[in-house]
Amino acid sequence: MTATVPAAEFDALLLDLDGTVYLGGQVIEHVGEALAAARELGSRPMYVTNNASRPPAEVAAALTAMGVPATDEEVLTSPEAAATMLADTHPAGSAVLVIGAPWLATAVQDAGLVPVRTAAEGPVALVQGHSPDTGWVNLAEGCIALRSGIDWVACNVDSTLPTDRGLLPGNGSMVAALVAATGLTPRVAGKPASPLLDEAVRRAGSSNPLVVGDRLDTDIEAGCTAGYPALLVLTGVSTAQDLVSAPEHQRPTHVSLDMRGLIDAGRVVDLRSADTSAWTAVTADGAVTLARSGGAPAAHDQDDRSRDAEALHALAAVVVAAWAGGSTRVVAADDDTAAVLARAGLTADR
């Protein structure tokens, strides 16, 4: 291992869950081994989730059952970050109107505040998190309370929630209803805002954290907002093409095909200093054209690790050129180059 391995360089890993650690209730391949090795290298995992309905103990137990050992202290949920924001703003013992699951009310209470459920109880703030039981009556209480001028914190503004039945309305959809009804805008605790990550860093005692996630618009944007390096793993929502076209506020510092990039220098690329000398990426006529540099050997007859490393460096060459030149269309100079990019999940024109 060398200092170029993220787990040896960063003292904490701020890990997303769905699409990063597990997918569809199943742990993603290589995750358990990679995180165990990362611990050995001194990088502490902190699981940071926008999910507002489950307490850390439940999340930790679920992870452990999947073969990814985790303690309650290594899980941070958006209700905890939201409660911290409220406690930092309002005196202990203040009433806070809770719209959300029981865990959100518990987080508010644990922060030294008093959870209430009606506007008539004189809340100084409203905190809103996802619950499948939220209905018109709850939103009406929130509307009344907000019109009195109180503070408003949303655990997250995710418009949808992934389920085994597909995407369903998330907390952001409920928040949007109150935005429409009041014309007000909440402070936000969860990703892509920075409070959730900042609280995870504080709890981990970290001085050099790395954000790890599969979504550019939540995980990576949160890292950019907070000013932390971020690793995009291509195991979930965001694709290689999304990376090529990522706006500046959603650009990771690192990319890997999967979580093995945390512990294997051949399976991760630092986009700030990637060696792309094996490739020539030329931007012209609204496209980035990639070709193998003269004399650069192909990895076709080598092992999977070598082919993955080749694909990542080819992807890095495209990404660096696209970000510099503003082009998002990718052209492969030949079938060989197209096949290499396809291994990284990027379909190129010919």
Protein backbone atom coordinates (compact mmCIF):
# COMPACT_ATOMS: atom_id res chain seq x y z
CA MET A 1 0.00 0.00 0.00
CA THR A 2 1.13 3.56 -0.69
CA ALA A 3 0.00 7.03 0.23
CA THR A 4 -1.94 7.13 -3.04
CA VAL A 5 -4.40 4.61 -1.59
CA PRO A 6 -7.33 6.66 -0.19
CA ALA A 7 -7.69 4.53 2.94
CA ALA A 8 -4.05 5.27 3.80
CA GLU A 9 -4.39 8.98 3.03
CA PHE A 10 -7.71 9.89 4.66
CA ASP A 11 -8.52 9.30 8.34
CA ALA A 12 -12.30 9.01 7.91
CA LEU A 13 -14.60 7.77 5.16
CA LEU A 14 -17.97 9.54 5.04
CA LEU A 15 -19.93 6.77 3.36
CA ASP A 16 -23.27 6.92 1.63
CA LEU A 17 -25.37 3.76 1.95
CA ASP A 18 -27.78 2.98 -0.90
CA GLY A 19 -25.85 2.51 -4.14
CA THR A 20 -22.52 2.73 -2.33
CA VAL A 21 -22.57 0.08 0.42
CA TYR A 22 -25.71 -1.83 -0.54
CA LEU A 23 -28.23 -2.00 -3.36
CA GLY A 24 -31.71 -3.45 -3.18
CA GLY A 25 -31.08 -4.68 0.36
CA GLN A 26 -27.94 -6.60 -0.64
CA VAL A 27 -24.37 -5.58 0.08
CA ILE A 28 -22.50 -4.60 -3.09
CA GLU A 29 -19.67 -6.91 -4.11
CA HIS A 30 -16.24 -6.14 -2.58
CA VAL A 31 -17.63 -3.62 -0.05
CA GLY A 32 -17.15 -5.72 3.08
CA GLU A 33 -13.56 -6.64 2.29
CA ALA A 34 -12.66 -3.11 1.20
CA LEU A 35 -13.99 -1.48 4.35
CA ALA A 36 -12.34 -4.05 6.59
CA ALA A 37 -9.01 -3.36 4.89
CA ALA A 38 -9.61 0.39 5.14
CA ARG A 39 -10.00 0.06 8.91
CA GLU A 40 -6.69 -1.73 9.08
CA LEU A 41 -5.10 1.20 7.26
CA GLY A 42 -6.49 3.62 9.85
CA SER A 43 -9.45 5.06 7.94
CA ARG A 44 -12.59 5.06 10.09
CA PRO A 45 -15.92 4.51 8.33
CA MET A 46 -18.78 6.87 9.14
CA TYR A 47 -22.08 6.00 7.50
CA VAL A 48 -23.93 9.22 6.70
CA THR A 49 -27.47 8.90 5.45
CA ASN A 50 -30.30 11.26 4.58
CA ASN A 51 -32.75 8.60 5.73
CA ALA A 52 -34.78 10.17 8.52
CA SER A 53 -36.88 7.20 9.55
CA ARG A 54 -34.38 4.74 11.11
CA PRO A 55 -32.21 5.32 14.21
CA PRO A 56 -28.47 4.53 14.07
CA ALA A 57 -28.88 1.27 16.00
CA GLU A 58 -31.20 -0.13 13.33
CA VAL A 59 -28.91 0.98 10.51
CA ALA A 60 -25.83 -0.46 12.24
CA ALA A 61 -27.60 -3.76 12.90
CA ALA A 62 -28.70 -4.00 9.26
CA LEU A 63 -25.17 -3.31 8.02
CA THR A 64 -23.68 -5.86 10.39
CA ALA A 65 -26.20 -8.47 9.24
CA MET A 66 -25.08 -7.81 5.66
CA GLY A 67 -21.48 -8.56 6.58
CA VAL A 68 -20.39 -4.93 7.01
CA PRO A 69 -19.74 -4.58 10.78
CA ALA A 70 -20.81 -1.18 12.12
CA THR A 71 -21.47 0.34 15.52
CA ASP A 72 -24.19 2.82 16.45
CA GLU A 73 -21.52 5.52 16.81
CA GLU A 74 -20.44 5.01 13.19
CA VAL A 75 -23.89 5.84 11.81
CA LEU A 76 -25.13 9.40 11.49
CA THR A 77 -28.61 10.19 10.20
CA SER A 78 -30.04 13.46 8.98
CA PRO A 79 -32.35 13.81 12.04
CA GLU A 80 -29.29 13.97 14.29
CA ALA A 81 -27.70 16.65 12.11
CA ALA A 82 -31.00 18.55 12.02
CA ALA A 83 -31.35 18.34 15.81
CA THR A 84 -27.79 19.65 16.21
CA MET A 85 -28.63 22.60 13.95
CA LEU A 86 -31.66 23.38 16.10
CA ALA A 87 -29.80 23.00 19.39
CA ASP A 88 -27.11 25.36 18.12
CA THR A 89 -29.77 27.98 17.34
CA HIS A 90 -32.34 27.70 20.14
CA PRO A 91 -32.11 27.45 23.95
CA ALA A 92 -32.31 24.06 25.66
CA GLY A 93 -35.88 23.12 26.50
CA SER A 94 -37.37 24.95 23.51
CA ALA A 95 -40.38 23.34 21.86
CA VAL A 96 -39.85 22.04 18.31
CA LEU A 97 -42.72 20.97 16.08
CA VAL A 98 -41.87 17.58 14.57
CA ILE A 99 -43.24 16.38 11.25
CA GLY A 100 -41.73 12.95 10.70
CA ALA A 101 -41.01 9.54 12.16
CA PRO A 102 -40.62 8.76 15.89
CA TRP A 103 -36.83 8.67 15.47
CA LEU A 104 -36.86 12.34 14.49
CA ALA A 105 -38.70 13.24 17.70
CA THR A 106 -36.17 11.18 19.69
CA ALA A 107 -33.25 12.99 18.01
CA VAL A 108 -34.82 16.35 18.94
CA GLN A 109 -35.27 15.23 22.54
CA ASP A 110 -31.72 13.88 22.73
CA ALA A 111 -30.48 17.31 21.65
CA GLY A 112 -32.10 18.89 24.72
CA LEU A 113 -35.20 20.21 22.97
CA VAL A 114 -38.87 19.32 23.45
CA PRO A 115 -40.67 17.65 20.54
CA VAL A 116 -44.29 18.69 20.03
CA ARG A 117 -46.86 17.83 17.37
CA THR A 118 -49.12 20.90 17.14
CA ALA A 119 -48.63 24.59 16.43
CA ALA A 120 -50.68 25.43 19.54
CA GLU A 121 -47.83 24.16 21.76
CA GLY A 122 -45.71 27.22 20.96
CA PRO A 123 -42.79 25.76 18.99
CA VAL A 124 -39.79 27.95 18.17
CA ALA A 125 -38.96 25.80 15.17
CA LEU A 126 -40.28 23.16 12.81
CA VAL A 127 -38.20 20.12 11.87
CA GLN A 128 -39.37 17.97 8.97
CA GLY A 129 -38.24 14.47 8.03
CA HIS A 130 -39.64 11.57 6.05
CA SER A 131 -42.40 9.42 7.45
CA PRO A 132 -44.92 7.34 5.47
CA ASP A 133 -47.54 8.49 7.98
CA THR A 134 -47.21 12.21 7.19
CA GLY A 135 -50.53 13.58 5.97
CA TRP A 136 -52.49 16.77 5.41
CA VAL A 137 -53.14 17.26 9.13
CA ASN A 138 -49.40 17.27 9.87
CA LEU A 139 -48.65 19.64 7.01
CA ALA A 140 -51.46 21.94 8.14
CA GLU A 141 -49.90 22.20 11.61
CA GLY A 142 -46.58 22.98 9.96
CA CYS A 143 -48.14 25.64 7.76
CA ILE A 144 -49.75 27.36 10.74
CA ALA A 145 -46.53 27.27 12.73
CA LEU A 146 -44.37 28.56 9.88
CA ARG A 147 -46.71 31.49 9.25
CA SER A 148 -45.97 32.63 12.82
CA GLY A 149 -42.35 33.19 11.80
CA ILE A 150 -40.58 30.25 13.40
CA ASP A 151 -37.36 28.56 12.25
CA TRP A 152 -37.61 25.65 9.78
CA VAL A 153 -35.11 22.81 9.31
CA ALA A 154 -35.59 19.97 6.82
CA CYS A 155 -33.72 16.72 7.39
CA ASN A 156 -33.29 16.46 3.62
CA VAL A 157 -34.96 17.58 0.43
CA ASP A 158 -34.82 14.30 -1.50
CA SER A 159 -37.83 14.48 -3.78
CA THR A 160 -38.05 10.71 -4.15
CA LEU A 161 -37.41 7.68 -1.97
CA PRO A 162 -36.18 4.38 -3.49
CA THR A 163 -38.29 1.37 -2.52
CA ASP A 164 -38.85 -2.16 -3.81
CA ARG A 165 -41.86 -0.72 -5.67
CA GLY A 166 -39.81 1.98 -7.35
CA LEU A 167 -39.34 5.66 -6.56
CA LEU A 168 -41.97 7.07 -4.22
CA PRO A 169 -42.45 10.58 -2.76
CA GLY A 170 -39.61 11.51 -0.41
CA ASN A 171 -39.26 14.16 2.26
CA GLY A 172 -38.48 16.78 -0.36
CA SER A 173 -41.93 16.34 -1.86
CA MET A 174 -43.52 17.03 1.53
CA VAL A 175 -41.19 19.97 2.08
CA ALA A 176 -42.19 21.30 -1.34
CA ALA A 177 -45.84 21.28 -0.26
CA LEU A 178 -45.04 23.63 2.64
CA VAL A 179 -42.79 25.77 0.43
CA ALA A 180 -45.72 26.17 -1.96
CA ALA A 181 -48.15 26.92 0.87
CA THR A 182 -45.97 29.44 2.72
CA GLY A 183 -43.44 30.83 0.25
CA LEU A 184 -40.72 30.04 2.79
CA THR A 185 -37.56 27.94 2.42
CA PRO A 186 -36.07 25.67 5.11
CA ARG A 187 -32.50 25.25 6.23
CA VAL A 188 -31.37 21.78 5.19
CA ALA A 189 -29.36 19.28 7.25
CA GLY A 190 -28.86 16.43 4.80
CA LYS A 191 -26.92 16.06 1.59
CA PRO A 192 -26.29 17.95 -0.65
CA ALA A 193 -26.09 20.55 2.12
CA SER A 194 -23.04 20.28 4.37
CA PRO A 195 -24.30 20.01 8.01
CA LEU A 196 -24.63 16.21 7.92
CA LEU A 197 -21.05 15.78 6.72
CA ASP A 198 -19.73 18.44 9.08
CA GLU A 199 -21.34 16.67 12.04
CA ALA A 200 -19.90 13.32 10.88
CA VAL A 201 -16.42 14.85 10.74
CA ARG A 202 -16.84 16.27 14.23
CA ARG A 203 -18.01 12.95 15.67
CA ALA A 204 -15.22 11.02 13.96
CA GLY A 205 -12.60 13.47 15.22
CA SER A 206 -11.38 13.64 11.64
CA SER A 207 -8.92 16.16 10.23
CA ASN A 208 -8.77 14.69 6.73
CA PRO A 209 -12.05 13.06 5.62
CA LEU A 210 -13.07 11.59 2.27
CA VAL A 211 -16.68 11.61 1.10
CA VAL A 212 -17.64 8.37 -0.67
CA GLY A 213 -20.84 8.04 -2.65
CA ASP A 214 -22.60 7.04 -5.85
CA ARG A 215 -24.59 10.21 -6.57
CA LEU A 216 -23.13 13.40 -7.95
CA ASP A 217 -26.17 15.48 -7.00
CA THR A 218 -26.20 14.51 -3.31
CA ASP A 219 -23.03 12.81 -2.05
CA ILE A 220 -20.47 14.51 -4.26
CA GLU A 221 -22.18 17.91 -4.23
CA ALA A 222 -22.27 17.74 -0.43
CA GLY A 223 -18.54 17.07 -0.40
CA CYS A 224 -17.92 20.00 -2.72
CA THR A 225 -20.13 22.26 -0.60
CA ALA A 226 -18.33 21.25 2.60
CA GLY A 227 -14.90 21.51 0.97
CA TYR A 228 -14.00 17.81 1.40
CA PRO A 229 -12.39 15.54 -1.21
CA ALA A 230 -14.92 13.09 -2.67
CA LEU A 231 -14.76 9.67 -4.31
CA LEU A 232 -17.45 8.69 -6.81
CA VAL A 233 -18.01 4.94 -7.02
CA LEU A 234 -19.74 3.79 -10.20
CA THR A 235 -21.96 1.22 -8.47
CA GLY A 236 -25.17 3.18 -8.08
CA VAL A 237 -27.04 6.11 -9.59
CA SER A 238 -24.47 8.34 -11.31
CA THR A 239 -22.80 6.97 -14.42
CA ALA A 240 -19.53 7.61 -16.21
CA GLN A 241 -21.40 9.83 -18.66
CA ASP A 242 -22.84 11.81 -15.76
CA LEU A 243 -19.28 12.31 -14.54
CA VAL A 244 -18.17 13.64 -17.91
CA SER A 245 -20.96 16.22 -17.89
CA ALA A 246 -20.83 17.05 -14.16
CA PRO A 247 -21.15 20.75 -13.31
CA GLU A 248 -18.33 22.25 -11.27
CA HIS A 249 -20.19 22.00 -7.96
CA GLN A 250 -20.66 18.23 -8.44
CA ARG A 251 -17.17 17.17 -9.47
CA PRO A 252 -15.41 14.53 -7.36
CA THR A 253 -11.69 14.49 -6.73
CA HIS A 254 -11.51 10.69 -7.18
CA VAL A 255 -13.35 8.01 -9.16
CA SER A 256 -13.36 4.22 -8.95
CA LEU A 257 -15.41 1.44 -10.49
CA ASP A 258 -16.23 0.05 -7.04
CA MET A 259 -15.18 0.27 -3.40
CA ARG A 260 -11.93 -1.59 -4.00
CA GLY A 261 -10.62 1.80 -5.05
CA LEU A 262 -10.32 2.66 -1.37
CA ILE A 263 -7.56 0.14 -0.82
CA ASP A 264 -6.07 -0.54 -4.26
CA ALA A 265 -4.14 2.17 -6.08
CA GLY A 266 -4.79 0.39 -9.37
CA ARG A 267 -8.55 0.72 -8.98
CA VAL A 268 -8.86 4.44 -8.25
CA VAL A 269 -7.92 7.63 -10.05
CA ASP A 270 -7.30 11.03 -8.49
CA LEU A 271 -8.76 13.33 -11.14
CA ARG A 272 -6.61 16.21 -9.89
CA SER A 273 -3.35 14.44 -10.75
CA ALA A 274 -4.22 11.46 -12.95
CA ASP A 275 -1.53 10.09 -15.22
CA THR A 276 -3.30 10.15 -18.59
CA SER A 277 -0.13 9.92 -20.68
CA ALA A 278 -1.30 6.66 -22.27
CA TRP A 279 -4.19 8.55 -23.86
CA THR A 280 -4.66 11.57 -26.06
CA ALA A 281 -7.93 13.48 -25.57
CA VAL A 282 -8.60 16.24 -28.08
CA THR A 283 -11.49 18.66 -27.75
CA ALA A 284 -12.87 20.01 -31.03
CA ASP A 285 -16.23 20.62 -32.68
CA GLY A 286 -18.12 20.11 -29.44
CA ALA A 287 -16.67 16.67 -28.71
CA VAL A 288 -13.81 14.99 -26.87
CA THR A 289 -12.05 12.46 -29.08
CA LEU A 290 -9.99 9.85 -27.27
CA ALA A 291 -7.18 7.83 -28.81
CA ARG A 292 -4.40 5.68 -27.44
CA SER A 293 -1.10 7.59 -27.37
CA GLY A 294 1.58 6.33 -29.73
CA GLY A 295 3.38 3.32 -28.34
CA ALA A 296 1.08 2.92 -25.33
CA PRO A 297 0.44 -0.81 -24.74
CA ALA A 298 -3.05 -2.25 -24.47
CA ALA A 299 -4.08 -4.25 -21.42
CA HIS A 300 -6.32 -6.69 -23.28
CA ASP A 301 -4.17 -9.72 -22.52
CA GLN A 302 -3.66 -8.77 -18.88
CA ASP A 303 -5.75 -9.49 -15.78
CA ASP A 304 -8.98 -7.79 -14.72
CA ARG A 305 -7.17 -5.37 -12.42
CA SER A 306 -4.96 -4.14 -15.26
CA ARG A 307 -7.92 -3.75 -17.59
CA ASP A 308 -9.87 -1.86 -14.90
CA ALA A 309 -6.89 0.46 -14.33
CA GLU A 310 -6.64 1.08 -18.07
CA ALA A 311 -10.36 1.88 -18.28
CA LEU A 312 -10.20 4.27 -15.32
CA HIS A 313 -7.26 6.20 -16.79
CA ALA A 314 -9.00 6.40 -20.16
CA LEU A 315 -12.09 7.73 -18.40
CA ALA A 316 -9.95 10.22 -16.49
CA ALA A 317 -8.43 11.51 -19.73
CA VAL A 318 -11.92 12.12 -21.13
CA VAL A 319 -13.19 13.73 -17.93
CA VAL A 320 -10.24 16.10 -17.58
CA ALA A 321 -10.59 17.20 -21.21
CA ALA A 322 -14.38 17.56 -20.98
CA TRP A 323 -14.23 19.65 -17.82
CA ALA A 324 -11.59 21.90 -19.31
CA GLY A 325 -13.24 22.33 -22.68
CA GLY A 326 -16.93 22.20 -21.83
CA SER A 327 -17.71 19.33 -24.23
CA THR A 328 -19.76 16.34 -23.10
CA ARG A 329 -19.96 14.29 -26.30
CA VAL A 330 -17.30 11.58 -26.37
CA VAL A 331 -15.84 10.04 -29.53
CA ALA A 332 -13.57 6.98 -29.57
CA ALA A 333 -10.88 6.99 -32.24
CA ASP A 334 -11.26 3.24 -32.85
CA ASP A 335 -13.04 0.12 -31.64
CA ASP A 336 -10.24 -0.68 -29.20
CA THR A 337 -10.64 2.68 -27.46
CA ALA A 338 -14.43 2.31 -27.44
CA ALA A 339 -14.09 -1.07 -25.73
CA VAL A 340 -11.80 0.37 -23.06
CA LEU A 341 -14.26 3.19 -22.31
CA ALA A 342 -17.13 0.70 -22.23
CA ARG A 343 -15.35 -1.15 -19.43
CA ALA A 344 -15.56 2.09 -17.43
CA GLY A 345 -19.26 2.35 -18.28
CA LEU A 346 -18.91 5.08 -20.90
CA THR A 347 -20.45 4.65 -24.35
CA ALA A 348 -18.55 6.64 -26.97
CA ASP A 349 -19.52 7.56 -30.51
CA ARG A 350 -17.43 6.21 -33.37
